[in-house]
Amino acid sequence: MFNQNNLLLAEGAVCYLEQGWLYLLQYESGDENIDKTALEQSITYLEKSIFLNQKLQKRYDDSSTDRTRPYDPQDPTKYPKHITILTGGKPYPGADGLLGKPFAYFEGLSMFLLGKSYSLLSNDTYNQETALDYFNKCLKPKYLLVQSEYFVDAHYLSANLIIRNPGIVNPDYGKAIAGQGANSILHLDSAIYHLEVASNSSFAANKLTDLRFLTAQV
């Protein structure tokens, strides 16, 4: 039962991620018959995926004193074959991409997609702040691969959010402060940081035009 529950958690984490991604792709397709309900569905499934990832990790952490422990969800070298396949690896010697991915990668990908979904949901402050928060979370070292298009996109989208909504990182934007006037540029420093990191990635080639255009607006 223990192993079966672990399998259900792992399968659920990946399946909910894929379902949430599909709803986001439906909305981004531009089909006039797809409304923002798709984004709400995307958010629901992606948040479920994160919850199951965290539950899977907690189950492993809590087993530290057990005689028989489940596989470590962050160590693909210890995965059983069905988990290797589930996480994108090949279960036989000599194959390209022999190992699967750690489950933290799937959690980070869910965070990245949640950032996109919240940023598209509406322009109100809560949704934009939540989007930026998810982008910042997915950029932490254990989540998205640094050398990947998702990493570049997360930095680019963060910069874009900040430029469009300065107040989400700079509460004093537009306010007159004694001796400083009303033109604080704290948000620009933050946007420039994200753009510089994205531009320096070896995966930035496909995004260079967008990055340069956005940099010119700073």
N, C-alpha and C. Protein backbone atom coordinates (compact mmCIF):
# COMPACT_ATOMS: atom_id res chain seq x y z
N MET A 1 0.83 -1.21 0.00
CA MET A 1 0.00 0.00 0.00
C MET A 1 0.87 1.26 0.00
N PHE A 2 1.99 1.20 0.76
CA PHE A 2 2.87 2.37 0.83
C PHE A 2 3.42 2.71 -0.56
N ASN A 3 3.94 1.67 -1.26
CA ASN A 3 4.50 1.90 -2.60
C ASN A 3 3.43 2.35 -3.58
N GLN A 4 2.22 1.76 -3.45
CA GLN A 4 1.13 2.13 -4.34
C GLN A 4 0.75 3.59 -4.14
N ASN A 5 0.69 4.03 -2.88
CA ASN A 5 0.38 5.43 -2.61
C ASN A 5 1.44 6.36 -3.17
N ASN A 6 2.71 5.94 -3.08
CA ASN A 6 3.79 6.73 -3.66
C ASN A 6 3.64 6.84 -5.17
N LEU A 7 3.27 5.74 -5.80
CA LEU A 7 3.07 5.76 -7.25
C LEU A 7 1.94 6.71 -7.63
N LEU A 8 0.85 6.66 -6.87
CA LEU A 8 -0.28 7.55 -7.15
C LEU A 8 0.11 9.01 -7.00
N LEU A 9 0.90 9.31 -5.98
CA LEU A 9 1.35 10.69 -5.79
C LEU A 9 2.21 11.15 -6.97
N ALA A 10 3.14 10.28 -7.38
CA ALA A 10 4.03 10.63 -8.49
C ALA A 10 3.26 10.81 -9.79
N GLU A 11 2.36 9.86 -10.08
CA GLU A 11 1.57 9.96 -11.31
C GLU A 11 0.66 11.20 -11.26
N GLY A 12 0.07 11.45 -10.11
CA GLY A 12 -0.81 12.60 -9.99
C GLY A 12 -0.07 13.91 -10.18
N ALA A 13 1.14 14.01 -9.61
CA ALA A 13 1.93 15.23 -9.75
C ALA A 13 2.22 15.55 -11.21
N VAL A 14 2.60 14.53 -11.97
CA VAL A 14 2.93 14.73 -13.38
C VAL A 14 1.66 14.96 -14.22
N CYS A 15 0.62 14.19 -13.94
CA CYS A 15 -0.62 14.31 -14.73
C CYS A 15 -1.31 15.66 -14.51
N TYR A 16 -1.34 16.13 -13.27
CA TYR A 16 -1.94 17.44 -13.01
C TYR A 16 -1.15 18.56 -13.68
N LEU A 17 0.18 18.40 -13.70
CA LEU A 17 1.02 19.37 -14.41
C LEU A 17 0.63 19.41 -15.89
N GLU A 18 0.49 18.24 -16.50
CA GLU A 18 0.16 18.18 -17.93
C GLU A 18 -1.23 18.74 -18.21
N GLN A 19 -2.18 18.45 -17.31
CA GLN A 19 -3.54 18.98 -17.50
C GLN A 19 -3.55 20.51 -17.39
N GLY A 20 -2.85 21.02 -16.39
CA GLY A 20 -2.79 22.47 -16.23
C GLY A 20 -2.13 23.14 -17.42
N TRP A 21 -1.09 22.50 -17.94
CA TRP A 21 -0.38 23.04 -19.11
C TRP A 21 -1.30 23.06 -20.33
N LEU A 22 -2.09 22.01 -20.50
CA LEU A 22 -3.01 21.95 -21.64
C LEU A 22 -4.05 23.06 -21.59
N TYR A 23 -4.58 23.34 -20.40
CA TYR A 23 -5.55 24.43 -20.28
C TYR A 23 -4.91 25.77 -20.61
N LEU A 24 -3.67 25.97 -20.19
CA LEU A 24 -2.97 27.21 -20.51
C LEU A 24 -2.75 27.32 -22.02
N LEU A 25 -2.34 26.23 -22.64
CA LEU A 25 -2.12 26.24 -24.08
C LEU A 25 -3.42 26.51 -24.85
N GLN A 26 -4.53 25.98 -24.34
CA GLN A 26 -5.83 26.26 -24.96
C GLN A 26 -6.10 27.76 -24.96
N TYR A 27 -5.87 28.40 -23.84
CA TYR A 27 -6.12 29.84 -23.75
C TYR A 27 -5.17 30.62 -24.67
N GLU A 28 -3.92 30.21 -24.69
CA GLU A 28 -2.91 30.93 -25.49
C GLU A 28 -3.11 30.69 -26.99
N SER A 29 -3.91 29.71 -27.36
CA SER A 29 -4.13 29.42 -28.78
C SER A 29 -4.87 30.55 -29.49
N GLY A 30 -5.55 31.41 -28.73
CA GLY A 30 -6.28 32.51 -29.33
C GLY A 30 -7.66 32.15 -29.82
N ASP A 31 -8.09 30.93 -29.58
CA ASP A 31 -9.44 30.51 -29.97
C ASP A 31 -10.47 31.36 -29.25
N GLU A 32 -11.34 32.04 -30.00
CA GLU A 32 -12.31 32.95 -29.40
C GLU A 32 -13.34 32.22 -28.54
N ASN A 33 -13.42 30.91 -28.69
CA ASN A 33 -14.36 30.13 -27.87
C ASN A 33 -13.77 29.73 -26.52
N ILE A 34 -12.48 30.02 -26.32
CA ILE A 34 -11.82 29.68 -25.06
C ILE A 34 -11.70 30.96 -24.22
N ASP A 35 -12.37 30.99 -23.07
CA ASP A 35 -12.31 32.18 -22.23
C ASP A 35 -11.36 31.95 -21.05
N LYS A 36 -11.38 32.87 -20.10
CA LYS A 36 -10.42 32.80 -19.00
C LYS A 36 -10.74 31.71 -17.99
N THR A 37 -11.85 31.02 -18.20
CA THR A 37 -12.12 29.84 -17.38
C THR A 37 -11.00 28.81 -17.56
N ALA A 38 -10.41 28.78 -18.75
CA ALA A 38 -9.30 27.85 -19.02
C ALA A 38 -8.11 28.17 -18.11
N LEU A 39 -7.87 29.47 -17.88
CA LEU A 39 -6.78 29.86 -16.99
C LEU A 39 -7.07 29.45 -15.55
N GLU A 40 -8.31 29.60 -15.15
CA GLU A 40 -8.69 29.19 -13.79
C GLU A 40 -8.51 27.69 -13.61
N GLN A 41 -8.85 26.92 -14.65
CA GLN A 41 -8.64 25.47 -14.60
C GLN A 41 -7.15 25.14 -14.56
N SER A 42 -6.39 25.89 -15.34
CA SER A 42 -4.94 25.68 -15.36
C SER A 42 -4.36 25.89 -13.97
N ILE A 43 -4.76 26.96 -13.32
CA ILE A 43 -4.27 27.27 -11.98
C ILE A 43 -4.65 26.17 -10.99
N THR A 44 -5.87 25.69 -11.08
CA THR A 44 -6.33 24.63 -10.17
C THR A 44 -5.47 23.38 -10.30
N TYR A 45 -5.24 22.93 -11.53
CA TYR A 45 -4.47 21.70 -11.73
C TYR A 45 -3.00 21.87 -11.37
N LEU A 46 -2.43 23.02 -11.69
CA LEU A 46 -1.01 23.24 -11.40
C LEU A 46 -0.77 23.34 -9.90
N GLU A 47 -1.71 23.95 -9.17
CA GLU A 47 -1.57 24.01 -7.72
C GLU A 47 -1.70 22.61 -7.11
N LYS A 48 -2.56 21.77 -7.68
CA LYS A 48 -2.67 20.38 -7.22
C LYS A 48 -1.36 19.64 -7.46
N SER A 49 -0.73 19.89 -8.59
CA SER A 49 0.54 19.23 -8.91
C SER A 49 1.60 19.60 -7.87
N ILE A 50 1.68 20.86 -7.52
CA ILE A 50 2.65 21.29 -6.52
C ILE A 50 2.37 20.63 -5.17
N PHE A 51 1.10 20.57 -4.81
CA PHE A 51 0.72 19.94 -3.54
C PHE A 51 1.16 18.48 -3.49
N LEU A 52 0.96 17.74 -4.58
CA LEU A 52 1.34 16.33 -4.61
C LEU A 52 2.86 16.16 -4.62
N ASN A 53 3.57 17.05 -5.31
CA ASN A 53 5.03 17.02 -5.28
C ASN A 53 5.54 17.19 -3.86
N GLN A 54 4.97 18.14 -3.15
CA GLN A 54 5.40 18.40 -1.78
C GLN A 54 5.03 17.25 -0.85
N LYS A 55 3.89 16.63 -1.10
CA LYS A 55 3.47 15.49 -0.29
C LYS A 55 4.39 14.29 -0.53
N LEU A 56 4.79 14.10 -1.78
CA LEU A 56 5.72 13.02 -2.12
C LEU A 56 7.06 13.23 -1.41
N GLN A 57 7.54 14.47 -1.40
CA GLN A 57 8.80 14.78 -0.74
C GLN A 57 8.70 14.58 0.77
N LYS A 58 7.58 15.02 1.35
CA LYS A 58 7.39 14.88 2.80
C LYS A 58 7.36 13.42 3.21
N ARG A 59 6.73 12.60 2.37
CA ARG A 59 6.66 11.17 2.69
C ARG A 59 8.07 10.58 2.73
N TYR A 60 8.91 11.00 1.82
CA TYR A 60 10.30 10.51 1.83
C TYR A 60 11.04 11.04 3.06
N ASP A 61 10.91 12.33 3.34
CA ASP A 61 11.60 12.93 4.49
C ASP A 61 11.17 12.28 5.80
N ASP A 62 9.90 11.97 5.92
CA ASP A 62 9.36 11.38 7.16
C ASP A 62 9.76 9.92 7.34
N SER A 63 10.35 9.32 6.30
CA SER A 63 10.70 7.89 6.38
C SER A 63 12.16 7.68 6.81
N SER A 64 12.81 8.74 7.29
CA SER A 64 14.25 8.67 7.58
C SER A 64 14.61 7.60 8.61
N THR A 65 13.68 7.26 9.49
CA THR A 65 13.97 6.24 10.51
C THR A 65 13.36 4.88 10.18
N ASP A 66 12.74 4.77 9.01
CA ASP A 66 12.11 3.50 8.62
C ASP A 66 13.17 2.52 8.09
N ARG A 67 12.91 1.24 8.29
CA ARG A 67 13.83 0.23 7.76
C ARG A 67 13.86 0.24 6.24
N THR A 68 12.70 0.39 5.63
CA THR A 68 12.61 0.42 4.16
C THR A 68 12.05 1.78 3.74
N ARG A 69 12.83 2.51 3.00
CA ARG A 69 12.42 3.86 2.57
C ARG A 69 11.97 3.83 1.11
N PRO A 70 11.06 4.71 0.74
CA PRO A 70 10.73 4.85 -0.68
C PRO A 70 11.89 5.50 -1.41
N TYR A 71 11.84 5.54 -2.73
CA TYR A 71 12.89 6.22 -3.50
C TYR A 71 12.89 7.72 -3.17
N ASP A 72 14.06 8.31 -3.30
CA ASP A 72 14.20 9.76 -3.10
C ASP A 72 13.66 10.47 -4.35
N PRO A 73 12.61 11.31 -4.23
CA PRO A 73 12.04 11.95 -5.42
C PRO A 73 12.96 12.96 -6.09
N GLN A 74 14.09 13.26 -5.44
CA GLN A 74 15.05 14.18 -6.06
C GLN A 74 16.31 13.48 -6.57
N ASP A 75 16.32 12.16 -6.56
CA ASP A 75 17.50 11.41 -7.00
C ASP A 75 17.11 10.40 -8.08
N PRO A 76 17.14 10.82 -9.35
CA PRO A 76 16.73 9.94 -10.45
C PRO A 76 17.54 8.65 -10.56
N THR A 77 18.74 8.62 -9.98
CA THR A 77 19.54 7.40 -10.06
C THR A 77 18.94 6.28 -9.21
N LYS A 78 18.04 6.62 -8.31
CA LYS A 78 17.43 5.62 -7.42
C LYS A 78 15.98 5.30 -7.81
N TYR A 79 15.51 5.87 -8.93
CA TYR A 79 14.11 5.63 -9.31
C TYR A 79 13.87 4.20 -9.74
N PRO A 80 12.70 3.62 -9.39
CA PRO A 80 12.28 2.38 -10.04
C PRO A 80 12.00 2.66 -11.53
N LYS A 81 11.97 1.62 -12.35
CA LYS A 81 11.86 1.82 -13.80
C LYS A 81 10.61 2.60 -14.20
N HIS A 82 9.47 2.32 -13.56
CA HIS A 82 8.24 3.00 -13.98
C HIS A 82 8.30 4.50 -13.66
N ILE A 83 9.03 4.88 -12.60
CA ILE A 83 9.17 6.30 -12.28
C ILE A 83 10.16 6.96 -13.24
N THR A 84 11.20 6.22 -13.64
CA THR A 84 12.14 6.74 -14.64
C THR A 84 11.39 7.08 -15.93
N ILE A 85 10.52 6.17 -16.37
CA ILE A 85 9.73 6.41 -17.59
C ILE A 85 8.79 7.60 -17.39
N LEU A 86 8.11 7.64 -16.25
CA LEU A 86 7.17 8.70 -15.96
C LEU A 86 7.82 10.08 -16.01
N THR A 87 9.08 10.15 -15.57
CA THR A 87 9.77 11.45 -15.49
C THR A 87 10.65 11.73 -16.70
N GLY A 88 10.42 10.98 -17.78
CA GLY A 88 11.07 11.31 -19.05
C GLY A 88 12.36 10.59 -19.35
N GLY A 89 12.71 9.57 -18.56
CA GLY A 89 13.94 8.84 -18.81
C GLY A 89 13.71 7.55 -19.58
N LYS A 90 14.79 6.84 -19.86
CA LYS A 90 14.73 5.54 -20.55
C LYS A 90 15.24 4.47 -19.58
N PRO A 91 14.50 3.39 -19.42
CA PRO A 91 14.84 2.40 -18.40
C PRO A 91 15.83 1.33 -18.83
N TYR A 92 16.58 1.58 -19.90
CA TYR A 92 17.52 0.54 -20.34
C TYR A 92 18.88 1.17 -20.62
N PRO A 93 19.96 0.44 -20.44
CA PRO A 93 21.32 0.98 -20.60
C PRO A 93 21.60 1.47 -22.02
N GLY A 94 22.39 2.51 -22.11
CA GLY A 94 22.83 3.00 -23.40
C GLY A 94 21.87 3.93 -24.10
N ALA A 95 20.72 4.18 -23.51
CA ALA A 95 19.74 5.05 -24.15
C ALA A 95 20.05 6.51 -23.86
N ASP A 96 19.73 7.38 -24.81
CA ASP A 96 19.86 8.81 -24.56
C ASP A 96 18.86 9.21 -23.48
N GLY A 97 19.25 10.13 -22.63
CA GLY A 97 18.35 10.56 -21.58
C GLY A 97 18.00 9.42 -20.65
N LEU A 98 19.03 8.65 -20.23
CA LEU A 98 18.80 7.45 -19.43
C LEU A 98 18.02 7.76 -18.14
N LEU A 99 18.37 8.85 -17.48
CA LEU A 99 17.75 9.18 -16.20
C LEU A 99 16.52 10.06 -16.39
N GLY A 100 15.58 9.91 -15.48
CA GLY A 100 14.44 10.83 -15.45
C GLY A 100 14.84 12.13 -14.79
N LYS A 101 13.86 12.97 -14.50
CA LYS A 101 14.14 14.26 -13.86
C LYS A 101 13.70 14.23 -12.40
N PRO A 102 14.36 14.99 -11.55
CA PRO A 102 13.91 15.07 -10.16
C PRO A 102 12.54 15.73 -10.09
N PHE A 103 11.75 15.38 -9.08
CA PHE A 103 10.40 15.91 -9.00
C PHE A 103 10.39 17.41 -8.68
N ALA A 104 11.49 17.94 -8.16
CA ALA A 104 11.58 19.38 -7.96
C ALA A 104 11.50 20.12 -9.30
N TYR A 105 11.99 19.48 -10.37
CA TYR A 105 11.90 20.09 -11.70
C TYR A 105 10.44 20.27 -12.10
N PHE A 106 9.61 19.24 -11.85
CA PHE A 106 8.19 19.32 -12.20
C PHE A 106 7.47 20.35 -11.33
N GLU A 107 7.90 20.44 -10.08
CA GLU A 107 7.32 21.47 -9.20
C GLU A 107 7.69 22.86 -9.71
N GLY A 108 8.94 23.04 -10.13
CA GLY A 108 9.36 24.33 -10.68
C GLY A 108 8.64 24.67 -11.97
N LEU A 109 8.42 23.65 -12.81
CA LEU A 109 7.70 23.88 -14.06
C LEU A 109 6.26 24.29 -13.77
N SER A 110 5.64 23.67 -12.77
CA SER A 110 4.28 24.07 -12.37
C SER A 110 4.27 25.53 -11.90
N MET A 111 5.29 25.92 -11.14
CA MET A 111 5.38 27.31 -10.68
C MET A 111 5.51 28.28 -11.86
N PHE A 112 6.34 27.90 -12.83
CA PHE A 112 6.52 28.73 -14.02
C PHE A 112 5.19 28.91 -14.77
N LEU A 113 4.48 27.82 -14.96
CA LEU A 113 3.20 27.88 -15.68
C LEU A 113 2.14 28.62 -14.87
N LEU A 114 2.18 28.51 -13.54
CA LEU A 114 1.27 29.29 -12.70
C LEU A 114 1.56 30.78 -12.85
N GLY A 115 2.84 31.14 -12.95
CA GLY A 115 3.18 32.54 -13.18
C GLY A 115 2.57 33.06 -14.47
N LYS A 116 2.64 32.26 -15.53
CA LYS A 116 2.05 32.65 -16.81
C LYS A 116 0.53 32.77 -16.69
N SER A 117 -0.09 31.78 -16.03
CA SER A 117 -1.56 31.77 -15.92
C SER A 117 -2.07 32.96 -15.13
N TYR A 118 -1.44 33.24 -14.00
CA TYR A 118 -1.87 34.38 -13.19
C TYR A 118 -1.64 35.71 -13.91
N SER A 119 -0.53 35.80 -14.66
CA SER A 119 -0.25 37.06 -15.36
C SER A 119 -1.26 37.34 -16.46
N LEU A 120 -1.83 36.26 -17.03
CA LEU A 120 -2.82 36.42 -18.10
C LEU A 120 -4.25 36.55 -17.57
N LEU A 121 -4.47 36.14 -16.32
CA LEU A 121 -5.82 36.08 -15.76
C LEU A 121 -6.46 37.46 -15.68
N SER A 122 -5.73 38.44 -15.16
CA SER A 122 -6.22 39.82 -15.10
C SER A 122 -5.06 40.73 -14.72
N ASN A 123 -5.26 42.03 -14.87
CA ASN A 123 -4.20 42.98 -14.56
C ASN A 123 -4.27 43.52 -13.13
N ASP A 124 -5.15 42.95 -12.31
CA ASP A 124 -5.23 43.48 -10.95
C ASP A 124 -3.96 43.14 -10.17
N THR A 125 -3.70 43.93 -9.15
CA THR A 125 -2.44 43.83 -8.41
C THR A 125 -2.21 42.44 -7.83
N TYR A 126 -3.25 41.83 -7.27
CA TYR A 126 -3.07 40.51 -6.65
C TYR A 126 -2.57 39.48 -7.66
N ASN A 127 -3.20 39.40 -8.82
CA ASN A 127 -2.80 38.40 -9.81
C ASN A 127 -1.40 38.67 -10.36
N GLN A 128 -1.06 39.94 -10.55
CA GLN A 128 0.27 40.26 -11.06
C GLN A 128 1.34 39.99 -10.02
N GLU A 129 1.06 40.29 -8.76
CA GLU A 129 2.02 39.98 -7.69
C GLU A 129 2.19 38.47 -7.53
N THR A 130 1.08 37.75 -7.63
CA THR A 130 1.14 36.29 -7.51
C THR A 130 1.94 35.69 -8.65
N ALA A 131 1.75 36.23 -9.86
CA ALA A 131 2.51 35.76 -11.03
C ALA A 131 4.00 35.95 -10.80
N LEU A 132 4.38 37.15 -10.36
CA LEU A 132 5.81 37.42 -10.14
C LEU A 132 6.36 36.54 -9.03
N ASP A 133 5.56 36.30 -8.00
CA ASP A 133 6.01 35.44 -6.91
C ASP A 133 6.30 34.03 -7.41
N TYR A 134 5.44 33.50 -8.27
CA TYR A 134 5.67 32.17 -8.82
C TYR A 134 6.90 32.15 -9.73
N PHE A 135 7.09 33.19 -10.54
CA PHE A 135 8.28 33.25 -11.39
C PHE A 135 9.54 33.25 -10.53
N ASN A 136 9.53 34.05 -9.45
CA ASN A 136 10.70 34.11 -8.57
C ASN A 136 10.96 32.76 -7.90
N LYS A 137 9.90 32.07 -7.52
CA LYS A 137 10.06 30.77 -6.86
C LYS A 137 10.67 29.74 -7.82
N CYS A 138 10.18 29.72 -9.06
CA CYS A 138 10.66 28.69 -9.99
C CYS A 138 12.11 28.92 -10.40
N LEU A 139 12.62 30.13 -10.17
CA LEU A 139 14.00 30.45 -10.54
C LEU A 139 15.00 30.08 -9.45
N LYS A 140 14.52 29.57 -8.33
CA LYS A 140 15.43 29.11 -7.29
C LYS A 140 16.18 27.88 -7.78
N PRO A 141 17.42 27.69 -7.32
CA PRO A 141 18.32 26.68 -7.90
C PRO A 141 17.76 25.26 -8.04
N LYS A 142 16.91 24.79 -7.13
CA LYS A 142 16.52 23.38 -7.21
C LYS A 142 15.39 23.11 -8.19
N TYR A 143 14.86 24.14 -8.82
CA TYR A 143 13.69 23.95 -9.67
C TYR A 143 14.05 23.91 -11.16
N LEU A 144 13.82 24.97 -11.90
CA LEU A 144 14.10 24.92 -13.34
C LEU A 144 15.59 24.78 -13.63
N LEU A 145 15.91 24.10 -14.71
CA LEU A 145 17.30 24.00 -15.14
C LEU A 145 17.77 25.36 -15.63
N VAL A 146 18.94 25.79 -15.17
CA VAL A 146 19.46 27.11 -15.56
C VAL A 146 19.62 27.20 -17.07
N GLN A 147 20.16 26.16 -17.66
CA GLN A 147 20.34 26.16 -19.11
C GLN A 147 19.10 25.56 -19.77
N SER A 148 18.05 26.36 -19.82
CA SER A 148 16.80 25.92 -20.45
C SER A 148 16.00 27.14 -20.90
N GLU A 149 15.12 26.92 -21.86
CA GLU A 149 14.28 28.01 -22.35
C GLU A 149 13.30 28.48 -21.28
N TYR A 150 12.87 27.57 -20.40
CA TYR A 150 11.94 27.96 -19.35
C TYR A 150 12.59 28.97 -18.40
N PHE A 151 13.87 28.75 -18.11
CA PHE A 151 14.62 29.66 -17.24
C PHE A 151 14.69 31.05 -17.87
N VAL A 152 14.99 31.10 -19.16
CA VAL A 152 15.05 32.38 -19.89
C VAL A 152 13.68 33.05 -19.90
N ASP A 153 12.64 32.28 -20.20
CA ASP A 153 11.28 32.82 -20.25
C ASP A 153 10.85 33.38 -18.91
N ALA A 154 11.19 32.68 -17.83
CA ALA A 154 10.78 33.14 -16.50
C ALA A 154 11.40 34.49 -16.18
N HIS A 155 12.67 34.68 -16.54
CA HIS A 155 13.31 35.98 -16.32
C HIS A 155 12.71 37.05 -17.23
N TYR A 156 12.48 36.70 -18.49
CA TYR A 156 11.89 37.66 -19.44
C TYR A 156 10.50 38.09 -18.98
N LEU A 157 9.68 37.13 -18.60
CA LEU A 157 8.31 37.45 -18.19
C LEU A 157 8.29 38.23 -16.88
N SER A 158 9.25 37.96 -15.99
CA SER A 158 9.37 38.72 -14.75
C SER A 158 9.67 40.18 -15.06
N ALA A 159 10.64 40.40 -15.95
CA ALA A 159 11.00 41.77 -16.33
C ALA A 159 9.81 42.49 -16.97
N ASN A 160 9.10 41.79 -17.82
CA ASN A 160 7.94 42.37 -18.50
C ASN A 160 6.86 42.76 -17.49
N LEU A 161 6.62 41.88 -16.52
CA LEU A 161 5.64 42.18 -15.47
C LEU A 161 6.03 43.42 -14.68
N ILE A 162 7.29 43.50 -14.33
CA ILE A 162 7.78 44.60 -13.50
C ILE A 162 7.69 45.93 -14.25
N ILE A 163 8.03 45.92 -15.52
CA ILE A 163 7.97 47.15 -16.32
C ILE A 163 6.53 47.63 -16.47
N ARG A 164 5.61 46.68 -16.67
CA ARG A 164 4.20 47.04 -16.83
C ARG A 164 3.52 47.42 -15.51
N ASN A 165 4.04 46.86 -14.40
CA ASN A 165 3.42 47.08 -13.09
C ASN A 165 4.50 47.42 -12.06
N PRO A 166 5.10 48.61 -12.15
CA PRO A 166 6.21 48.96 -11.26
C PRO A 166 5.88 48.81 -9.77
N GLY A 167 4.63 49.04 -9.42
CA GLY A 167 4.24 49.02 -8.02
C GLY A 167 4.37 47.67 -7.34
N ILE A 168 4.44 46.58 -8.11
CA ILE A 168 4.49 45.26 -7.47
C ILE A 168 5.86 44.98 -6.84
N VAL A 169 6.89 45.72 -7.25
CA VAL A 169 8.19 45.58 -6.58
C VAL A 169 8.64 46.89 -5.95
N ASN A 170 7.97 47.97 -6.29
CA ASN A 170 8.35 49.29 -5.80
C ASN A 170 7.11 50.03 -5.31
N PRO A 171 6.72 49.79 -4.05
CA PRO A 171 5.49 50.40 -3.53
C PRO A 171 5.51 51.93 -3.56
N ASP A 172 6.71 52.53 -3.63
CA ASP A 172 6.82 53.99 -3.63
C ASP A 172 6.80 54.58 -5.03
N TYR A 173 6.62 53.73 -6.06
CA TYR A 173 6.61 54.24 -7.43
C TYR A 173 5.48 55.25 -7.61
N GLY A 174 5.85 56.41 -8.15
CA GLY A 174 4.86 57.45 -8.40
C GLY A 174 4.53 58.31 -7.21
N LYS A 175 5.10 57.97 -6.03
CA LYS A 175 4.82 58.77 -4.84
C LYS A 175 5.95 59.79 -4.63
N ALA A 176 5.57 60.95 -4.20
CA ALA A 176 6.56 61.98 -3.89
C ALA A 176 7.14 61.69 -2.51
N ILE A 177 8.47 61.48 -2.45
CA ILE A 177 9.14 61.23 -1.19
C ILE A 177 10.06 62.41 -0.90
N ALA A 178 10.06 62.85 0.32
CA ALA A 178 10.84 64.04 0.70
C ALA A 178 12.28 63.94 0.21
N GLY A 179 12.68 64.92 -0.56
CA GLY A 179 14.04 65.00 -1.06
C GLY A 179 14.33 64.11 -2.25
N GLN A 180 13.37 63.30 -2.70
CA GLN A 180 13.63 62.37 -3.80
C GLN A 180 12.71 62.56 -5.01
N GLY A 181 11.67 63.34 -4.87
CA GLY A 181 10.72 63.47 -5.97
C GLY A 181 9.86 62.23 -6.08
N ALA A 182 9.30 62.02 -7.25
CA ALA A 182 8.34 60.92 -7.41
C ALA A 182 8.77 59.89 -8.45
N ASN A 183 10.07 59.85 -8.79
CA ASN A 183 10.51 58.98 -9.88
C ASN A 183 11.51 57.93 -9.41
N SER A 184 11.14 57.15 -8.44
CA SER A 184 12.00 56.06 -7.98
C SER A 184 12.19 55.04 -9.10
N ILE A 185 13.42 54.55 -9.25
CA ILE A 185 13.72 53.61 -10.34
C ILE A 185 14.05 52.21 -9.82
N LEU A 186 13.62 51.92 -8.60
CA LEU A 186 13.89 50.61 -8.02
C LEU A 186 13.39 49.48 -8.92
N HIS A 187 12.22 49.67 -9.51
CA HIS A 187 11.67 48.61 -10.37
C HIS A 187 12.51 48.39 -11.61
N LEU A 188 13.14 49.46 -12.12
CA LEU A 188 13.97 49.33 -13.31
C LEU A 188 15.22 48.50 -13.02
N ASP A 189 15.79 48.70 -11.84
CA ASP A 189 16.95 47.89 -11.44
C ASP A 189 16.58 46.41 -11.43
N SER A 190 15.40 46.11 -10.91
CA SER A 190 14.94 44.72 -10.84
C SER A 190 14.72 44.16 -12.24
N ALA A 191 14.09 44.93 -13.11
CA ALA A 191 13.83 44.48 -14.48
C ALA A 191 15.14 44.25 -15.24
N ILE A 192 16.10 45.17 -15.07
CA ILE A 192 17.39 45.03 -15.75
C ILE A 192 18.11 43.76 -15.30
N TYR A 193 18.03 43.46 -14.01
CA TYR A 193 18.65 42.23 -13.50
C TYR A 193 18.10 41.01 -14.23
N HIS A 194 16.78 40.92 -14.31
CA HIS A 194 16.16 39.76 -14.97
C HIS A 194 16.57 39.68 -16.44
N LEU A 195 16.61 40.80 -17.11
CA LEU A 195 16.95 40.81 -18.53
C LEU A 195 18.42 40.42 -18.75
N GLU A 196 19.29 40.87 -17.87
CA GLU A 196 20.71 40.53 -18.01
C GLU A 196 20.95 39.04 -17.80
N VAL A 197 20.31 38.48 -16.78
CA VAL A 197 20.47 37.04 -16.51
C VAL A 197 19.94 36.23 -17.70
N ALA A 198 18.78 36.62 -18.21
CA ALA A 198 18.19 35.91 -19.34
C ALA A 198 19.09 36.00 -20.58
N SER A 199 19.62 37.17 -20.85
CA SER A 199 20.44 37.39 -22.04
C SER A 199 21.74 36.60 -22.01
N ASN A 200 22.24 36.33 -20.80
CA ASN A 200 23.51 35.62 -20.67
C ASN A 200 23.37 34.10 -20.77
N SER A 201 22.15 33.60 -20.85
CA SER A 201 21.94 32.17 -20.95
C SER A 201 22.25 31.68 -22.36
N SER A 202 22.80 30.48 -22.46
CA SER A 202 23.07 29.90 -23.78
C SER A 202 21.78 29.55 -24.51
N PHE A 203 20.63 29.60 -23.80
CA PHE A 203 19.33 29.30 -24.41
C PHE A 203 18.56 30.56 -24.77
N ALA A 204 19.25 31.71 -24.78
CA ALA A 204 18.58 32.98 -25.04
C ALA A 204 18.42 33.28 -26.52
N ALA A 205 19.04 32.49 -27.38
CA ALA A 205 19.07 32.81 -28.81
C ALA A 205 17.68 33.06 -29.39
N ASN A 206 16.73 32.21 -29.07
CA ASN A 206 15.38 32.35 -29.64
C ASN A 206 14.60 33.51 -29.04
N LYS A 207 15.14 34.11 -28.00
CA LYS A 207 14.41 35.17 -27.30
C LYS A 207 15.14 36.50 -27.39
N LEU A 208 16.26 36.55 -28.13
CA LEU A 208 17.09 37.76 -28.12
C LEU A 208 16.35 39.00 -28.61
N THR A 209 15.54 38.85 -29.66
CA THR A 209 14.81 40.01 -30.18
C THR A 209 13.88 40.58 -29.12
N ASP A 210 13.13 39.70 -28.45
CA ASP A 210 12.22 40.14 -27.39
C ASP A 210 12.99 40.77 -26.23
N LEU A 211 14.10 40.15 -25.87
CA LEU A 211 14.91 40.66 -24.75
C LEU A 211 15.46 42.05 -25.07
N ARG A 212 15.95 42.23 -26.29
CA ARG A 212 16.50 43.53 -26.69
C ARG A 212 15.42 44.60 -26.76
N PHE A 213 14.24 44.21 -27.25
CA PHE A 213 13.12 45.16 -27.33
C PHE A 213 12.71 45.60 -25.94
N LEU A 214 12.62 44.66 -25.01
CA LEU A 214 12.22 44.99 -23.65
C LEU A 214 13.31 45.82 -22.95
N THR A 215 14.56 45.48 -23.19
CA THR A 215 15.67 46.23 -22.59
C THR A 215 15.65 47.69 -23.06
N ALA A 216 15.27 47.91 -24.31
CA ALA A 216 15.21 49.28 -24.84
C ALA A 216 14.14 50.13 -24.17
N GLN A 217 13.18 49.47 -23.53
CA GLN A 217 12.10 50.23 -22.85
C GLN A 217 12.47 50.62 -21.42
N VAL A 218 13.56 50.02 -20.91
CA VAL A 218 13.95 50.30 -19.53
C VAL A 218 14.65 51.65 -19.43
